[in-house]
């Protein structure tokens, strides 16, 4: 079996590394105190392995990143890039003998081109900040992960993040036209284009999107924008007696050829957790809430919203209501966005990110409940149900070793069931560390070796974020 080679020259001490980095960068950019090393050593994934880094670098420019990578390459030190640390798969976790390079201070929207409808954005720009900035020009950036208020465009690009609107408008890769990347030897390259079309050479931009920092460090991104005007948002909400009934509604909407702007599911545990935290006035005596959003204008929008409402009712939905006012729509969808942090307040949450065919959503939800019962664990459910992207949230009490063990067993069973139903082990969070076994099973050995070949071509010594995104050996 071919392995990615690893750097073999080790620095003498952490002090040496910090000293050299201090000479390369400005004061305050290199962190080595214990609190900082702990804070930057992992993302939001529960129970994913990590090691303390040698140092943390707060990059201020692409040139800073390149200087650090060149030094690391010379000394055989690994480099782990990091955005806001909001990932849920361990993709930003530090590894032995590494420097963590944080891009959180690269926060400029460099350019907004209204005529050509694109923006050039540094990697540390928060998703919601970009959306608010381009809205001033009458433009819209559609990808909107649930973490949009705290996650960065660079991190979104590295994981090919999806979101609530992606069922209709697509995921991050659909909007990335180009990027600036620091390669494993410290060289800086510009990939992609700014034109509406372009097929010169291999699509290396698309290759880097979703590569989780294993092929290069993305320091800015050129993103395609859409006109902000021309949509009238209407929401349809319904309560269902079971997850399976809600899943039937999801499958029927797909079967009817309806493409909603969003179709989101949250179960009773999420509803209670959010309302206890935020007091949104959500009912506590329902099993599952399904939220749909349509944004066609005029009579077409009215008719589409009514079709969705009718499908909700036919599938067993009760209290099916329509909301046209922006404030009402946003209040309902806020409950979906807050579900994960609301549950986190109760204890550690192991987050799944499976995606199955839309027709298989009811069966997958049934199997998730079976896994919860079989392993005696609590599993809450949220989902981008419109595209089959389910997020079972497995909850285990802090410090309960037995419960954590059962949670991991349930996690593995859910991954296996997802693959049996023709799904994929990650829809938007990335493979990171947590999904490596599932990725091996899904891809197969020959395709895994293709990944290794690409890695060797761009990073022959395994310098960049080693051990993430695909099985390295």
Foldseek 3Di string as FASTA:
>chain_A
DDFQAAFDFADPALVVVQVVLCVVDPPPFKDADPVVQVVQQWAQAPPFDADRESIEGEDQDLLSVLVSLQVCVVRRAFEAEDELRHFHFGLRHHHPRHYYYYLLNQADFPDADLVLAKTKGFFNHQQVNVQVVCVVVQKGDPFDALCSVGTTPQLCQQQQFHHFQCLPVNTQLVWFQWFWWQFNNSDIDIAGDSHPDDDPDDRVSSVNGRNSFLQTRTTMTMTGIGGNDQWQKKKKKWFAQEQLLLLQLLLVCVVVVHRFSGKKKWFLVLQVLLCVVPVLVGDNPTGMMIMTMHIHDDPVRVVSNVVSLVSCVVSHTPPIDMDRDPVVNVSVVVSLSCSVVSVVVVHRKRKFWKAFQSNCSSVLRVVLVVLCVVLVWDWTWMASSNRRTIITITGDHPPPVSSVVSSLVSLVSSLVVRVVRVIARHDGSANNQNNAVSQCVNQDDVSLVVVLVSSCVRPSNSRISPPGRYHSD
